[in-house]
Amino acid sequence: MKTVGVALLAAILGYVVGLFGTMAAIELFSSNTHDKSIEAAMTGAFVGGPLAAVISVIAILVLRRKQSP
């Protein structure tokens, strides 16, 4: 049960980091001029956030498995 809680926490934190990281990257590197903020928000919410959440859960599960005897 502890692993589920840690994985859920990792997913939430990973989502937040992915969301804001993707938003920052879009703001810096996108050549879009008229709706850059919408592009950044939608890409962060629907691509970067979920991708980072999945990666963080997988990483936590792999690390937890290596730690258990």
Foldseek 3Di string as FASTA:
>chain_A
DVLVVVLVVQLVVQLVCQLVVQLVCQVPPPPDDDPSNVVSNCCSNPPRRNVSSVVRSVVSVVVVVVPDD
